[in-house]
Amino acid sequence: MKAIDEGIFLHRSPYSDSSLITTFFTRQKGLQKFVFRGGKKKAHQLYPLSVSELNYYGRTEGNLMNLTSVQASSNYNFQFDPVKSTIAFFIAECIRKCVIDNDFDTIMFGFLKTEIQRLNDALDCALFPIEFMVAFSEVLGLQPLVEKQGKVFNLDEGIISNGSSQLNRTEEGAHVVLIAGLIEGRNQSSAVDRLTREKALETMMMYYRTHVPRIERFETYEIVREILSA
């Protein structure tokens, strides 16, 4: 079976001296892995969150399709910016670890394309990773519930309220106020101090690890933290 689809590039790993195993989130098939023969010579086309038209073939029931060509379908320049490209690696890891293989979702695909364009156009990226994780949690169906004037984040229950808990893990402070504000759609200043941003992102990563069983850690976080702290 031959097919054409649009895909967001997430990850690659060596397959042979000249070929790659590539992972894309596709519009029609969701998260898919492909063998890209000769792909190492075309690796310049494969940067995290690049959006391309994919030509491939293979059996529909097979785990690995054969990717024959990758052609950019959207023009971005964020891959040339060290901060934005690092954030793109982090977001690609989030997508890859949160989405189930072959579970396609056109709403999610549209959301991700919008976020990629937003990253490309951003003038200040300081809050982008935490903004993405908060917005992505809604698309995944696990966004925390915020009660009125809530300031205590119950990570296990997924609620930001004013109640305390002796049994569940909780977080409170300026970073929780930041998360609640993003969930409620309140404008947040990029002047939020570095420690608050870091703690908010670390808290959301902890929340994801609690509610997405496949996640043990985020390998790209330390690089993101370092580059946003520079």
C-alpha atoms as a PDB file:
ATOM      1  CA  MET A   1       0.000   0.000   0.000  1.00  0.00           C
ATOM      2  CA  LYS A   2       1.327   3.423  -1.015  1.00  0.00           C
ATOM      3  CA  ALA A   3       0.190   6.512   0.840  1.00  0.00           C
ATOM      4  CA  ILE A   4       0.804  10.236   1.295  1.00  0.00           C
ATOM      5  CA  ASP A   5       0.369  11.968   4.639  1.00  0.00           C
ATOM      6  CA  GLU A   6       1.486  15.063   6.499  1.00  0.00           C
ATOM      7  CA  GLY A   7       3.707  14.490   9.503  1.00  0.00           C
ATOM      8  CA  ILE A   8       5.449  16.307  12.348  1.00  0.00           C
ATOM      9  CA  PHE A   9       8.967  14.950  12.842  1.00  0.00           C
ATOM     10  CA  LEU A  10       9.768  13.848  16.404  1.00  0.00           C
ATOM     11  CA  HIS A  11      12.746  11.489  16.564  1.00  0.00           C
ATOM     12  CA  ARG A  12      15.263   9.440  14.627  1.00  0.00           C
ATOM     13  CA  SER A  13      17.685   6.626  15.394  1.00  0.00           C
ATOM     14  CA  PRO A  14      20.205   4.686  13.279  1.00  0.00           C
ATOM     15  CA  TYR A  15      18.953   1.630  11.385  1.00  0.00           C
ATOM     16  CA  SER A  16      21.935   0.810   9.177  1.00  0.00           C
ATOM     17  CA  ASP A  17      24.972   2.570   7.743  1.00  0.00           C
ATOM     18  CA  SER A  18      22.732   4.723   5.549  1.00  0.00           C
ATOM     19  CA  SER A  19      19.191   4.358   6.925  1.00  0.00           C
ATOM     20  CA  LEU A  20      17.176   5.631   9.876  1.00  0.00           C
ATOM     21  CA  ILE A  21      14.192   4.718  11.997  1.00  0.00           C
ATOM     22  CA  THR A  22      12.100   7.887  12.071  1.00  0.00           C
ATOM     23  CA  THR A  23       9.115   8.801  14.250  1.00  0.00           C
ATOM     24  CA  PHE A  24       6.418  11.218  13.073  1.00  0.00           C
ATOM     25  CA  PHE A  25       3.056  12.311  14.402  1.00  0.00           C
ATOM     26  CA  THR A  26       0.948  12.134  11.249  1.00  0.00           C
ATOM     27  CA  ARG A  27      -2.375  13.715  10.385  1.00  0.00           C
ATOM     28  CA  GLN A  28      -4.057  10.486   9.241  1.00  0.00           C
ATOM     29  CA  LYS A  29      -2.315   7.746  11.239  1.00  0.00           C
ATOM     30  CA  GLY A  30      -1.167   9.395  14.456  1.00  0.00           C
ATOM     31  CA  LEU A  31       2.183   8.362  15.901  1.00  0.00           C
ATOM     32  CA  GLN A  32       4.047   6.279  13.313  1.00  0.00           C
ATOM     33  CA  LYS A  33       7.531   4.853  12.874  1.00  0.00           C
ATOM     34  CA  PHE A  34       9.128   4.481   9.442  1.00  0.00           C
ATOM     35  CA  VAL A  35      12.262   2.960   7.980  1.00  0.00           C
ATOM     36  CA  PHE A  36      13.834   5.756   5.940  1.00  0.00           C
ATOM     37  CA  ARG A  37      16.341   4.071   3.650  1.00  0.00           C
ATOM     38  CA  GLY A  38      19.170   6.401   2.708  1.00  0.00           C
ATOM     39  CA  GLY A  39      17.806   8.820   5.273  1.00  0.00           C
ATOM     40  CA  LYS A  40      21.197   9.729   6.736  1.00  0.00           C
ATOM     41  CA  LYS A  41      22.029  11.623   3.532  1.00  0.00           C
ATOM     42  CA  LYS A  42      18.793  13.589   3.871  1.00  0.00           C
ATOM     43  CA  ALA A  43      19.007  14.234   7.611  1.00  0.00           C
ATOM     44  CA  HIS A  44      19.050  18.012   7.114  1.00  0.00           C
ATOM     45  CA  GLN A  45      15.309  17.754   6.384  1.00  0.00           C
ATOM     46  CA  LEU A  46      14.660  16.066   9.731  1.00  0.00           C
ATOM     47  CA  TYR A  47      14.732  18.518  12.609  1.00  0.00           C
ATOM     48  CA  PRO A  48      12.336  18.320  15.584  1.00  0.00           C
ATOM     49  CA  LEU A  49       8.838  19.676  14.839  1.00  0.00           C
ATOM     50  CA  SER A  50       9.472  20.134  11.113  1.00  0.00           C
ATOM     51  CA  VAL A  51       6.231  19.549   9.188  1.00  0.00           C
ATOM     52  CA  SER A  52       6.526  17.579   5.952  1.00  0.00           C
ATOM     53  CA  GLU A  53       4.627  15.689   3.287  1.00  0.00           C
ATOM     54  CA  LEU A  54       5.491  11.999   3.652  1.00  0.00           C
ATOM     55  CA  ASN A  55       5.409   9.386   0.918  1.00  0.00           C
ATOM     56  CA  TYR A  56       5.532   5.830   2.213  1.00  0.00           C
ATOM     57  CA  TYR A  57       4.438   2.261   1.589  1.00  0.00           C
ATOM     58  CA  GLY A  58       3.891  -0.904   3.577  1.00  0.00           C
ATOM     59  CA  ARG A  59       1.255  -3.163   5.058  1.00  0.00           C
ATOM     60  CA  THR A  60      -1.353  -1.356   7.127  1.00  0.00           C
ATOM     61  CA  GLU A  61      -1.011  -3.930   9.911  1.00  0.00           C
ATOM     62  CA  GLY A  62       2.770  -3.678   9.995  1.00  0.00           C
ATOM     63  CA  ASN A  63       4.571  -1.777  12.726  1.00  0.00           C
ATOM     64  CA  LEU A  64       7.107  -0.182  10.370  1.00  0.00           C
ATOM     65  CA  MET A  65       6.287   1.492   7.075  1.00  0.00           C
ATOM     66  CA  ASN A  66       8.929   2.327   4.473  1.00  0.00           C
ATOM     67  CA  LEU A  67       9.381   6.069   4.043  1.00  0.00           C
ATOM     68  CA  THR A  68      10.409   6.995   0.496  1.00  0.00           C
ATOM     69  CA  SER A  69      10.451  10.805   0.588  1.00  0.00           C
ATOM     70  CA  VAL A  70      10.099  13.774   2.939  1.00  0.00           C
ATOM     71  CA  GLN A  71       9.172  17.167   1.516  1.00  0.00           C
ATOM     72  CA  ALA A  72       8.721  20.244   3.720  1.00  0.00           C
ATOM     73  CA  SER A  73       5.092  21.401   3.679  1.00  0.00           C
ATOM     74  CA  SER A  74       5.536  24.429   5.971  1.00  0.00           C
ATOM     75  CA  ASN A  75       8.273  27.048   6.075  1.00  0.00           C
ATOM     76  CA  TYR A  76       9.868  27.604   9.474  1.00  0.00           C
ATOM     77  CA  ASN A  77      13.145  29.092  10.597  1.00  0.00           C
ATOM     78  CA  PHE A  78      13.142  28.211  14.315  1.00  0.00           C
ATOM     79  CA  GLN A  79      15.658  25.420  13.717  1.00  0.00           C
ATOM     80  CA  PHE A  80      18.335  28.114  13.258  1.00  0.00           C
ATOM     81  CA  ASP A  81      17.637  29.662  16.668  1.00  0.00           C
ATOM     82  CA  PRO A  82      19.474  27.824  19.506  1.00  0.00           C
ATOM     83  CA  VAL A  83      16.771  28.582  22.107  1.00  0.00           C
ATOM     84  CA  LYS A  84      13.800  27.705  19.907  1.00  0.00           C
ATOM     85  CA  SER A  85      15.439  24.573  18.493  1.00  0.00           C
ATOM     86  CA  THR A  86      16.183  23.343  22.028  1.00  0.00           C
ATOM     87  CA  ILE A  87      12.559  23.953  23.030  1.00  0.00           C
ATOM     88  CA  ALA A  88      11.518  22.030  19.905  1.00  0.00           C
ATOM     89  CA  PHE A  89      13.527  18.996  21.104  1.00  0.00           C
ATOM     90  CA  PHE A  90      11.722  19.174  24.448  1.00  0.00           C
ATOM     91  CA  ILE A  91       8.268  19.458  22.877  1.00  0.00           C
ATOM     92  CA  ALA A  92       9.003  16.607  20.471  1.00  0.00           C
ATOM     93  CA  GLU A  93       9.930  14.427  23.452  1.00  0.00           C
ATOM     94  CA  CYS A  94       6.672  15.377  25.222  1.00  0.00           C
ATOM     95  CA  ILE A  95       4.610  14.394  22.182  1.00  0.00           C
ATOM     96  CA  ARG A  96       6.471  11.140  21.617  1.00  0.00           C
ATOM     97  CA  LYS A  97       6.075  10.046  25.234  1.00  0.00           C
ATOM     98  CA  CYS A  98       2.443  11.073  25.675  1.00  0.00           C
ATOM     99  CA  VAL A  99       0.832   9.832  22.459  1.00  0.00           C
ATOM    100  CA  ILE A 100       0.029   6.153  21.935  1.00  0.00           C
ATOM    101  CA  ASP A 101       1.238   4.492  18.718  1.00  0.00           C
ATOM    102  CA  ASN A 102      -1.339   4.510  15.891  1.00  0.00           C
ATOM    103  CA  ASP A 103      -3.781   6.595  17.948  1.00  0.00           C
ATOM    104  CA  PHE A 104      -4.566   9.382  15.483  1.00  0.00           C
ATOM    105  CA  ASP A 105      -6.265  12.626  16.467  1.00  0.00           C
ATOM    106  CA  THR A 106      -6.812  15.364  13.881  1.00  0.00           C
ATOM    107  CA  ILE A 107      -7.646  17.897  16.612  1.00  0.00           C
ATOM    108  CA  MET A 108      -4.301  17.189  18.280  1.00  0.00           C
ATOM    109  CA  PHE A 109      -2.513  17.462  14.936  1.00  0.00           C
ATOM    110  CA  GLY A 110      -4.062  20.885  14.348  1.00  0.00           C
ATOM    111  CA  PHE A 111      -3.173  21.979  17.869  1.00  0.00           C
ATOM    112  CA  LEU A 112       0.450  20.935  17.391  1.00  0.00           C
ATOM    113  CA  LYS A 113       0.770  22.762  14.072  1.00  0.00           C
ATOM    114  CA  THR A 114      -0.570  25.906  15.744  1.00  0.00           C
ATOM    115  CA  GLU A 115       1.956  25.548  18.576  1.00  0.00           C
ATOM    116  CA  ILE A 116       4.801  25.019  16.101  1.00  0.00           C
ATOM    117  CA  GLN A 117       3.853  28.206  14.271  1.00  0.00           C
ATOM    118  CA  ARG A 118       3.609  30.019  17.611  1.00  0.00           C
ATOM    119  CA  LEU A 119       7.129  28.856  18.522  1.00  0.00           C
ATOM    120  CA  ASN A 120       8.401  29.963  15.131  1.00  0.00           C
ATOM    121  CA  ASP A 121       6.899  33.450  15.554  1.00  0.00           C
ATOM    122  CA  ALA A 122       7.681  33.941  19.267  1.00  0.00           C
ATOM    123  CA  LEU A 123       9.778  36.941  20.233  1.00  0.00           C
ATOM    124  CA  ASP A 124      10.287  35.748  23.825  1.00  0.00           C
ATOM    125  CA  CYS A 125      10.347  32.015  24.585  1.00  0.00           C
ATOM    126  CA  ALA A 126      10.911  32.129  28.346  1.00  0.00           C
ATOM    127  CA  LEU A 127       7.420  30.818  29.156  1.00  0.00           C
ATOM    128  CA  PHE A 128       6.908  28.714  26.046  1.00  0.00           C
ATOM    129  CA  PRO A 129       7.710  25.255  27.527  1.00  0.00           C
ATOM    130  CA  ILE A 130       5.352  25.667  30.484  1.00  0.00           C
ATOM    131  CA  GLU A 131       2.669  27.237  28.261  1.00  0.00           C
ATOM    132  CA  PHE A 132       2.915  24.234  25.951  1.00  0.00           C
ATOM    133  CA  MET A 133       2.702  21.652  28.724  1.00  0.00           C
ATOM    134  CA  VAL A 134      -0.372  23.331  30.215  1.00  0.00           C
ATOM    135  CA  ALA A 135      -2.133  23.588  26.833  1.00  0.00           C
ATOM    136  CA  PHE A 136      -1.106  20.063  25.770  1.00  0.00           C
ATOM    137  CA  SER A 137      -2.528  18.631  28.998  1.00  0.00           C
ATOM    138  CA  GLU A 138      -5.966  19.861  27.900  1.00  0.00           C
ATOM    139  CA  VAL A 139      -5.664  18.160  24.496  1.00  0.00           C
ATOM    140  CA  LEU A 140      -4.584  14.952  26.242  1.00  0.00           C
ATOM    141  CA  GLY A 141      -7.626  15.164  28.527  1.00  0.00           C
ATOM    142  CA  LEU A 142      -5.680  15.490  31.773  1.00  0.00           C
ATOM    143  CA  GLN A 143      -5.535  19.228  32.425  1.00  0.00           C
ATOM    144  CA  PRO A 144      -5.812  20.045  36.145  1.00  0.00           C
ATOM    145  CA  LEU A 145      -9.061  21.515  37.429  1.00  0.00           C
ATOM    146  CA  VAL A 146      -8.672  24.993  38.951  1.00  0.00           C
ATOM    147  CA  GLU A 147     -11.077  25.952  41.702  1.00  0.00           C
ATOM    148  CA  LYS A 148     -11.721  29.613  42.509  1.00  0.00           C
ATOM    149  CA  GLN A 149      -8.556  31.300  43.789  1.00  0.00           C
ATOM    150  CA  GLY A 150      -6.871  27.922  44.108  1.00  0.00           C
ATOM    151  CA  LYS A 151      -3.220  28.009  45.168  1.00  0.00           C
ATOM    152  CA  VAL A 152      -2.518  24.397  46.223  1.00  0.00           C
ATOM    153  CA  PHE A 153      -1.809  21.911  43.433  1.00  0.00           C
ATOM    154  CA  ASN A 154      -2.833  18.350  44.346  1.00  0.00           C
ATOM    155  CA  LEU A 155      -0.730  16.406  41.854  1.00  0.00           C
ATOM    156  CA  ASP A 156      -2.412  13.061  42.443  1.00  0.00           C
ATOM    157  CA  GLU A 157      -5.979  14.372  42.204  1.00  0.00           C
ATOM    158  CA  GLY A 158      -5.282  16.882  39.442  1.00  0.00           C
ATOM    159  CA  ILE A 159      -6.891  19.806  41.262  1.00  0.00           C
ATOM    160  CA  ILE A 160      -5.621  23.282  42.129  1.00  0.00           C
ATOM    161  CA  SER A 161      -7.641  24.424  45.126  1.00  0.00           C
ATOM    162  CA  ASN A 162      -7.217  25.872  48.587  1.00  0.00           C
ATOM    163  CA  GLY A 163      -7.504  22.512  50.296  1.00  0.00           C
ATOM    164  CA  SER A 164      -4.584  20.623  51.781  1.00  0.00           C
ATOM    165  CA  SER A 165      -3.987  16.878  51.779  1.00  0.00           C
ATOM    166  CA  GLN A 166      -2.191  14.532  54.139  1.00  0.00           C
ATOM    167  CA  LEU A 167      -2.293  11.652  51.659  1.00  0.00           C
ATOM    168  CA  ASN A 168      -1.463  13.195  48.274  1.00  0.00           C
ATOM    169  CA  ARG A 169       1.519  15.133  46.990  1.00  0.00           C
ATOM    170  CA  THR A 170       0.887  18.865  46.799  1.00  0.00           C
ATOM    171  CA  GLU A 171       2.731  21.944  45.575  1.00  0.00           C
ATOM    172  CA  GLU A 172       2.065  25.556  46.419  1.00  0.00           C
ATOM    173  CA  GLY A 173       3.712  28.884  45.748  1.00  0.00           C
ATOM    174  CA  ALA A 174       4.218  31.364  42.924  1.00  0.00           C
ATOM    175  CA  HIS A 175       4.799  28.539  40.418  1.00  0.00           C
ATOM    176  CA  VAL A 176       1.345  27.074  41.151  1.00  0.00           C
ATOM    177  CA  VAL A 177      -0.223  30.519  40.723  1.00  0.00           C
ATOM    178  CA  LEU A 178       1.523  30.705  37.335  1.00  0.00           C
ATOM    179  CA  ILE A 179       0.156  27.300  36.268  1.00  0.00           C
ATOM    180  CA  ALA A 180      -3.366  28.185  37.422  1.00  0.00           C
ATOM    181  CA  GLY A 181      -3.220  31.468  35.533  1.00  0.00           C
ATOM    182  CA  LEU A 182      -2.207  29.714  32.318  1.00  0.00           C
ATOM    183  CA  ILE A 183      -5.015  27.171  32.678  1.00  0.00           C
ATOM    184  CA  GLU A 184      -7.536  29.953  33.205  1.00  0.00           C
ATOM    185  CA  GLY A 185      -6.192  31.899  30.240  1.00  0.00           C
ATOM    186  CA  ARG A 186      -4.893  34.870  32.191  1.00  0.00           C
ATOM    187  CA  ASN A 187      -2.071  36.771  30.509  1.00  0.00           C
ATOM    188  CA  GLN A 188       1.258  35.938  32.055  1.00  0.00           C
ATOM    189  CA  SER A 189       4.265  38.219  31.843  1.00  0.00           C
ATOM    190  CA  SER A 190       7.476  36.817  30.397  1.00  0.00           C
ATOM    191  CA  ALA A 191       9.143  38.752  33.246  1.00  0.00           C
ATOM    192  CA  VAL A 192       8.198  35.931  35.637  1.00  0.00           C
ATOM    193  CA  ASP A 193      11.434  35.153  37.457  1.00  0.00           C
ATOM    194  CA  ARG A 194      13.585  32.227  36.378  1.00  0.00           C
ATOM    195  CA  LEU A 195      13.106  30.122  39.522  1.00  0.00           C
ATOM    196  CA  THR A 196       9.304  30.391  39.281  1.00  0.00           C
ATOM    197  CA  ARG A 197       9.398  29.347  35.614  1.00  0.00           C
ATOM    198  CA  GLU A 198      11.676  26.401  36.380  1.00  0.00           C
ATOM    199  CA  LYS A 199       9.598  25.211  39.312  1.00  0.00           C
ATOM    200  CA  ALA A 200       6.369  25.521  37.300  1.00  0.00           C
ATOM    201  CA  LEU A 201       7.830  23.417  34.484  1.00  0.00           C
ATOM    202  CA  GLU A 202       9.236  20.830  36.916  1.00  0.00           C
ATOM    203  CA  THR A 203       5.822  20.621  38.626  1.00  0.00           C
ATOM    204  CA  MET A 204       4.049  20.032  35.304  1.00  0.00           C
ATOM    205  CA  MET A 205       6.593  17.352  34.398  1.00  0.00           C
ATOM    206  CA  MET A 206       5.904  15.675  37.744  1.00  0.00           C
ATOM    207  CA  TYR A 207       2.171  15.910  37.015  1.00  0.00           C
ATOM    208  CA  TYR A 208       2.651  14.310  33.585  1.00  0.00           C
ATOM    209  CA  ARG A 209       4.721  11.502  35.095  1.00  0.00           C
ATOM    210  CA  THR A 210       1.896  10.885  37.562  1.00  0.00           C
ATOM    211  CA  HIS A 211      -0.862  10.694  34.958  1.00  0.00           C
ATOM    212  CA  VAL A 212       0.945   9.329  31.862  1.00  0.00           C
ATOM    213  CA  PRO A 213       2.304   5.894  32.896  1.00  0.00           C
ATOM    214  CA  ARG A 214       4.829   5.655  30.056  1.00  0.00           C
ATOM    215  CA  ILE A 215       6.855   8.648  31.261  1.00  0.00           C
ATOM    216  CA  GLU A 216       9.754   8.057  33.627  1.00  0.00           C
ATOM    217  CA  ARG A 217      11.752  11.211  32.934  1.00  0.00           C
ATOM    218  CA  PHE A 218      12.251  13.983  30.381  1.00  0.00           C
ATOM    219  CA  GLU A 219      15.764  13.601  28.984  1.00  0.00           C
ATOM    220  CA  THR A 220      15.810  16.993  27.263  1.00  0.00           C
ATOM    221  CA  TYR A 221      14.751  19.049  30.289  1.00  0.00           C
ATOM    222  CA  GLU A 222      18.230  19.810  31.616  1.00  0.00           C
ATOM    223  CA  ILE A 223      19.257  21.268  28.252  1.00  0.00           C
ATOM    224  CA  VAL A 224      16.110  23.416  28.117  1.00  0.00           C
ATOM    225  CA  ARG A 225      16.656  24.619  31.679  1.00  0.00           C
ATOM    226  CA  GLU A 226      20.262  25.514  30.939  1.00  0.00           C
ATOM    227  CA  ILE A 227      19.573  27.427  27.743  1.00  0.00           C
ATOM    228  CA  LEU A 228      16.631  29.365  29.207  1.00  0.00           C
ATOM    229  CA  SER A 229      18.784  30.302  32.188  1.00  0.00           C
ATOM    230  CA  ALA A 230      21.604  31.706  30.041  1.00  0.00           C
END
